[in-house]
């Protein structure tokens, strides 16, 4: 999951460069792509946190 998160961050940076450089035909599409990418980043950050929490609870179960 961390590899996917890294790729999403890199994609977001590329989308920002495209947006700032005005290398697009329709601004709405680039804005929507950035928004969707950001939402995916949020999902994966939460998933990684949940996976770490679940792993910790398996290693150190609460009695």
PDB file of N, CA and C in Angstrom:
ATOM      1  N   UNK A   1       0.818  -1.197   0.000  1.00  0.00           N
ATOM      2  CA  UNK A   1       0.000   0.000   0.000  1.00  0.00           C
ATOM      3  C   UNK A   1       0.863   1.263   0.000  1.00  0.00           C
ATOM      4  N   UNK A   2       2.028   1.172   0.640  1.00  0.00           N
ATOM      5  CA  UNK A   2       2.901   2.346   0.680  1.00  0.00           C
ATOM      6  C   UNK A   2       3.417   2.708  -0.712  1.00  0.00           C
ATOM      7  N   UNK A   3       3.631   1.703  -1.548  1.00  0.00           N
ATOM      8  CA  UNK A   3       4.090   1.964  -2.918  1.00  0.00           C
ATOM      9  C   UNK A   3       2.994   2.698  -3.684  1.00  0.00           C
ATOM     10  N   UNK A   4       1.759   2.257  -3.510  1.00  0.00           N
ATOM     11  CA  UNK A   4       0.635   2.918  -4.178  1.00  0.00           C
ATOM     12  C   UNK A   4       0.524   4.359  -3.708  1.00  0.00           C
ATOM     13  N   UNK A   5       0.659   4.575  -2.413  1.00  0.00           N
ATOM     14  CA  UNK A   5       0.586   5.929  -1.867  1.00  0.00           C
ATOM     15  C   UNK A   5       1.682   6.816  -2.449  1.00  0.00           C
ATOM     16  N   UNK A   6       2.879   6.263  -2.567  1.00  0.00           N
ATOM     17  CA  UNK A   6       3.989   7.027  -3.165  1.00  0.00           C
ATOM     18  C   UNK A   6       3.663   7.405  -4.612  1.00  0.00           C
ATOM     19  N   UNK A   7       3.126   6.464  -5.369  1.00  0.00           N
ATOM     20  CA  UNK A   7       2.769   6.738  -6.761  1.00  0.00           C
ATOM     21  C   UNK A   7       1.664   7.792  -6.854  1.00  0.00           C
ATOM     22  N   UNK A   8       0.706   7.742  -5.948  1.00  0.00           N
ATOM     23  CA  UNK A   8      -0.365   8.744  -5.934  1.00  0.00           C
ATOM     24  C   UNK A   8       0.187  10.135  -5.638  1.00  0.00           C
ATOM     25  N   UNK A   9       1.140  10.218  -4.714  1.00  0.00           N
ATOM     26  CA  UNK A   9       1.772  11.506  -4.412  1.00  0.00           C
ATOM     27  C   UNK A   9       2.517  12.044  -5.643  1.00  0.00           C
ATOM     28  N   UNK A  10       3.247  11.155  -6.324  1.00  0.00           N
ATOM     29  CA  UNK A  10       3.970  11.570  -7.524  1.00  0.00           C
ATOM     30  C   UNK A  10       3.002  12.029  -8.617  1.00  0.00           C
ATOM     31  N   UNK A  11       1.892  11.325  -8.749  1.00  0.00           N
ATOM     32  CA  UNK A  11       0.875  11.706  -9.738  1.00  0.00           C
ATOM     33  C   UNK A  11       0.296  13.070  -9.411  1.00  0.00           C
ATOM     34  N   UNK A  12       0.049  13.324  -8.125  1.00  0.00           N
ATOM     35  CA  UNK A  12      -0.496  14.613  -7.716  1.00  0.00           C
ATOM     36  C   UNK A  12       0.461  15.747  -8.079  1.00  0.00           C
ATOM     37  N   UNK A  13       1.743  15.529  -7.859  1.00  0.00           N
ATOM     38  CA  UNK A  13       2.747  16.538  -8.217  1.00  0.00           C
ATOM     39  C   UNK A  13       2.728  16.785  -9.726  1.00  0.00           C
ATOM     40  N   UNK A  14       2.649  15.724 -10.512  1.00  0.00           N
ATOM     41  CA  UNK A  14       2.592  15.878 -11.977  1.00  0.00           C
ATOM     42  C   UNK A  14       1.338  16.637 -12.398  1.00  0.00           C
ATOM     43  N   UNK A  15       0.219  16.335 -11.779  1.00  0.00           N
ATOM     44  CA  UNK A  15      -1.024  17.039 -12.097  1.00  0.00           C
ATOM     45  C   UNK A  15      -0.925  18.523 -11.747  1.00  0.00           C
ATOM     46  N   UNK A  16      -0.266  18.833 -10.632  1.00  0.00           N
ATOM     47  CA  UNK A  16      -0.069  20.234 -10.258  1.00  0.00           C
ATOM     48  C   UNK A  16       0.803  20.958 -11.285  1.00  0.00           C
ATOM     49  N   UNK A  17       1.836  20.285 -11.755  1.00  0.00           N
ATOM     50  CA  UNK A  17       2.716  20.882 -12.766  1.00  0.00           C
ATOM     51  C   UNK A  17       1.937  21.131 -14.055  1.00  0.00           C
ATOM     52  N   UNK A  18       1.153  20.145 -14.474  1.00  0.00           N
ATOM     53  CA  UNK A  18       0.335  20.299 -15.680  1.00  0.00           C
ATOM     54  C   UNK A  18      -0.631  21.467 -15.514  1.00  0.00           C
ATOM     55  N   UNK A  19      -1.250  21.563 -14.350  1.00  0.00           N
ATOM     56  CA  UNK A  19      -2.225  22.625 -14.099  1.00  0.00           C
ATOM     57  C   UNK A  19      -1.555  24.001 -14.115  1.00  0.00           C
ATOM     58  N   UNK A  20      -0.448  24.132 -13.411  1.00  0.00           N
ATOM     59  CA  UNK A  20       0.238  25.424 -13.347  1.00  0.00           C
ATOM     60  C   UNK A  20       0.821  25.842 -14.691  1.00  0.00           C
ATOM     61  N   UNK A  21       1.214  24.854 -15.482  1.00  0.00           N
ATOM     62  CA  UNK A  21       1.807  25.150 -16.794  1.00  0.00           C
ATOM     63  C   UNK A  21       0.760  25.353 -17.875  1.00  0.00           C
ATOM     64  N   UNK A  22      -0.492  25.123 -17.496  1.00  0.00           N
ATOM     65  CA  UNK A  22      -1.617  25.239 -18.433  1.00  0.00           C
ATOM     66  C   UNK A  22      -1.468  24.297 -19.618  1.00  0.00           C
ATOM     67  N   UNK A  23      -0.984  23.077 -19.338  1.00  0.00           N
ATOM     68  CA  UNK A  23      -0.798  22.059 -20.376  1.00  0.00           C
ATOM     69  C   UNK A  23      -2.026  21.147 -20.457  1.00  0.00           C
ATOM     70  N   UNK A  24      -3.177  21.731 -20.674  1.00  0.00           N
ATOM     71  CA  UNK A  24      -4.425  20.978 -20.743  1.00  0.00           C
ATOM     72  C   UNK A  24      -5.389  21.703 -21.667  1.00  0.00           C
ATOM     73  N   UNK A  25      -6.380  20.975 -22.112  1.00  0.00           N
ATOM     74  CA  UNK A  25      -7.399  21.578 -22.969  1.00  0.00           C
ATOM     75  C   UNK A  25      -8.576  22.074 -22.141  1.00  0.00           C
ATOM     76  N   UNK A  26      -8.941  21.296 -21.115  1.00  0.00           N
ATOM     77  CA  UNK A  26     -10.088  21.639 -20.285  1.00  0.00           C
ATOM     78  C   UNK A  26      -9.653  21.687 -18.828  1.00  0.00           C
ATOM     79  N   UNK A  27      -9.738  22.865 -18.228  1.00  0.00           N
ATOM     80  CA  UNK A  27      -9.286  23.018 -16.843  1.00  0.00           C
ATOM     81  C   UNK A  27     -10.120  22.174 -15.890  1.00  0.00           C
ATOM     82  N   UNK A  28     -11.405  22.043 -16.158  1.00  0.00           N
ATOM     83  CA  UNK A  28     -12.256  21.255 -15.259  1.00  0.00           C
ATOM     84  C   UNK A  28     -11.776  19.815 -15.117  1.00  0.00           C
ATOM     85  N   UNK A  29     -11.269  19.242 -16.205  1.00  0.00           N
ATOM     86  CA  UNK A  29     -10.789  17.855 -16.157  1.00  0.00           C
ATOM     87  C   UNK A  29      -9.556  17.730 -15.269  1.00  0.00           C
ATOM     88  N   UNK A  30      -8.645  18.677 -15.361  1.00  0.00           N
ATOM     89  CA  UNK A  30      -7.434  18.612 -14.538  1.00  0.00           C
ATOM     90  C   UNK A  30      -7.772  18.854 -13.073  1.00  0.00           C
ATOM     91  N   UNK A  31      -8.704  19.751 -12.807  1.00  0.00           N
ATOM     92  CA  UNK A  31      -9.129  20.005 -11.429  1.00  0.00           C
ATOM     93  C   UNK A  31      -9.790  18.757 -10.853  1.00  0.00           C
ATOM     94  N   UNK A  32     -10.632  18.118 -11.649  1.00  0.00           N
ATOM     95  CA  UNK A  32     -11.309  16.897 -11.191  1.00  0.00           C
ATOM     96  C   UNK A  32     -10.305  15.766 -10.960  1.00  0.00           C
ATOM     97  N   UNK A  33      -9.303  15.651 -11.835  1.00  0.00           N
ATOM     98  CA  UNK A  33      -8.271  14.626 -11.667  1.00  0.00           C
ATOM     99  C   UNK A  33      -7.477  14.858 -10.383  1.00  0.00           C
ATOM    100  N   UNK A  34      -7.140  16.109 -10.098  1.00  0.00           N
ATOM    101  CA  UNK A  34      -6.417  16.427  -8.856  1.00  0.00           C
ATOM    102  C   UNK A  34      -7.273  16.097  -7.636  1.00  0.00           C
ATOM    103  N   UNK A  35      -8.554  16.421  -7.711  1.00  0.00           N
ATOM    104  CA  UNK A  35      -9.470  16.146  -6.596  1.00  0.00           C
ATOM    105  C   UNK A  35      -9.582  14.639  -6.351  1.00  0.00           C
ATOM    106  N   UNK A  36      -9.775  13.882  -7.424  1.00  0.00           N
ATOM    107  CA  UNK A  36      -9.904  12.431  -7.299  1.00  0.00           C
ATOM    108  C   UNK A  36      -8.618  11.816  -6.768  1.00  0.00           C
ATOM    109  N   UNK A  37      -7.481  12.283  -7.268  1.00  0.00           N
ATOM    110  CA  UNK A  37      -6.189  11.790  -6.798  1.00  0.00           C
ATOM    111  C   UNK A  37      -6.021  12.065  -5.308  1.00  0.00           C
ATOM    112  N   UNK A  38      -6.401  13.259  -4.878  1.00  0.00           N
ATOM    113  CA  UNK A  38      -6.292  13.627  -3.471  1.00  0.00           C
ATOM    114  C   UNK A  38      -7.192  12.746  -2.604  1.00  0.00           C
ATOM    115  N   UNK A  39      -8.382  12.424  -3.103  1.00  0.00           N
ATOM    116  CA  UNK A  39      -9.288  11.540  -2.373  1.00  0.00           C
ATOM    117  C   UNK A  39      -8.696  10.143  -2.239  1.00  0.00           C
ATOM    118  N   UNK A  40      -8.060   9.661  -3.297  1.00  0.00           N
ATOM    119  CA  UNK A  40      -7.400   8.356  -3.238  1.00  0.00           C
ATOM    120  C   UNK A  40      -6.249   8.360  -2.236  1.00  0.00           C
ATOM    121  N   UNK A  41      -5.504   9.455  -2.191  1.00  0.00           N
ATOM    122  CA  UNK A  41      -4.428   9.577  -1.204  1.00  0.00           C
ATOM    123  C   UNK A  41      -5.004   9.460   0.202  1.00  0.00           C
ATOM    124  N   UNK A  42      -6.093  10.150   0.462  1.00  0.00           N
ATOM    125  CA  UNK A  42      -6.727  10.103   1.779  1.00  0.00           C
ATOM    126  C   UNK A  42      -7.169   8.683   2.132  1.00  0.00           C
ATOM    127  N   UNK A  43      -7.735   7.979   1.169  1.00  0.00           N
ATOM    128  CA  UNK A  43      -8.188   6.600   1.406  1.00  0.00           C
ATOM    129  C   UNK A  43      -7.012   5.712   1.760  1.00  0.00           C
ATOM    130  N   UNK A  44      -5.919   5.826   1.018  1.00  0.00           N
ATOM    131  CA  UNK A  44      -4.775   4.965   1.290  1.00  0.00           C
ATOM    132  C   UNK A  44      -4.066   5.329   2.590  1.00  0.00           C
ATOM    133  N   UNK A  45      -4.005   6.598   2.933  1.00  0.00           N
ATOM    134  CA  UNK A  45      -3.417   6.994   4.228  1.00  0.00           C
ATOM    135  C   UNK A  45      -4.220   6.357   5.356  1.00  0.00           C
ATOM    136  N   UNK A  46      -5.539   6.441   5.279  1.00  0.00           N
ATOM    137  CA  UNK A  46      -6.406   5.859   6.308  1.00  0.00           C
ATOM    138  C   UNK A  46      -6.250   4.338   6.340  1.00  0.00           C
ATOM    139  N   UNK A  47      -6.159   3.712   5.181  1.00  0.00           N
ATOM    140  CA  UNK A  47      -5.998   2.255   5.116  1.00  0.00           C
ATOM    141  C   UNK A  47      -4.686   1.809   5.751  1.00  0.00           C
ATOM    142  N   UNK A  48      -3.622   2.550   5.494  1.00  0.00           N
ATOM    143  CA  UNK A  48      -2.322   2.211   6.081  1.00  0.00           C
ATOM    144  C   UNK A  48      -2.376   2.352   7.598  1.00  0.00           C
ATOM    145  N   UNK A  49      -2.997   3.435   8.077  1.00  0.00           N
ATOM    146  CA  UNK A  49      -3.131   3.624   9.526  1.00  0.00           C
ATOM    147  C   UNK A  49      -3.938   2.494  10.159  1.00  0.00           C
ATOM    148  N   UNK A  50      -5.022   2.105   9.515  1.00  0.00           N
ATOM    149  CA  UNK A  50      -5.863   1.021  10.033  1.00  0.00           C
ATOM    150  C   UNK A  50      -5.096  -0.295  10.048  1.00  0.00           C
ATOM    151  N   UNK A  51      -4.346  -0.569   8.989  1.00  0.00           N
ATOM    152  CA  UNK A  51      -3.562  -1.804   8.927  1.00  0.00           C
ATOM    153  C   UNK A  51      -2.514  -1.836  10.033  1.00  0.00           C
ATOM    154  N   UNK A  52      -1.844  -0.711  10.270  1.00  0.00           N
ATOM    155  CA  UNK A  52      -0.855  -0.645  11.356  1.00  0.00           C
ATOM    156  C   UNK A  52      -1.516  -0.871  12.707  1.00  0.00           C
ATOM    157  N   UNK A  53      -2.672  -0.244  12.912  1.00  0.00           N
ATOM    158  CA  UNK A  53      -3.406  -0.396  14.171  1.00  0.00           C
ATOM    159  C   UNK A  53      -3.815  -1.846  14.380  1.00  0.00           C
ATOM    160  N   UNK A  54      -4.323  -2.491  13.320  1.00  0.00           N
ATOM    161  CA  UNK A  54      -4.726  -3.895  13.422  1.00  0.00           C
ATOM    162  C   UNK A  54      -3.538  -4.798  13.701  1.00  0.00           C
ATOM    163  N   UNK A  55      -2.402  -4.507  13.101  1.00  0.00           N
ATOM    164  CA  UNK A  55      -1.202  -5.286  13.331  1.00  0.00           C
ATOM    165  C   UNK A  55      -0.741  -5.142  14.774  1.00  0.00           C
ATOM    166  N   UNK A  56      -0.779  -3.905  15.283  1.00  0.00           N
ATOM    167  CA  UNK A  56      -0.395  -3.674  16.680  1.00  0.00           C
ATOM    168  C   UNK A  56      -1.302  -4.428  17.633  1.00  0.00           C
ATOM    169  N   UNK A  57      -2.597  -4.448  17.354  1.00  0.00           N
ATOM    170  CA  UNK A  57      -3.529  -5.143  18.252  1.00  0.00           C
ATOM    171  C   UNK A  57      -3.331  -6.646  18.207  1.00  0.00           C
ATOM    172  N   UNK A  58      -2.828  -7.175  17.097  1.00  0.00           N
ATOM    173  CA  UNK A  58      -2.527  -8.616  17.020  1.00  0.00           C
ATOM    174  C   UNK A  58      -1.254  -8.938  17.793  1.00  0.00           C
ATOM    175  N   UNK A  59      -0.295  -8.026  17.762  1.00  0.00           N
ATOM    176  CA  UNK A  59       0.977  -8.237  18.461  1.00  0.00           C
ATOM    177  C   UNK A  59       0.787  -8.047  19.974  1.00  0.00           C
ATOM    178  N   UNK A  60       0.049  -7.015  20.363  1.00  0.00           N
ATOM    179  CA  UNK A  60      -0.195  -6.686  21.762  1.00  0.00           C
ATOM    180  C   UNK A  60      -1.705  -6.627  22.012  1.00  0.00           C
ATOM    181  N   UNK A  61      -2.345  -7.800  22.128  1.00  0.00           N
ATOM    182  CA  UNK A  61      -3.800  -7.774  22.333  1.00  0.00           C
ATOM    183  C   UNK A  61      -4.181  -7.136  23.661  1.00  0.00           C
ATOM    184  N   UNK A  62      -5.290  -6.409  23.653  1.00  0.00           N
ATOM    185  CA  UNK A  62      -5.816  -5.763  24.854  1.00  0.00           C
ATOM    186  C   UNK A  62      -6.580  -6.823  25.642  1.00  0.00           C
ATOM    187  N   UNK A  63      -6.277  -6.908  26.931  1.00  0.00           N
ATOM    188  CA  UNK A  63      -6.939  -7.924  27.765  1.00  0.00           C
ATOM    189  C   UNK A  63      -8.173  -7.396  28.407  1.00  0.00           C
TER     190      UNK A  63
END
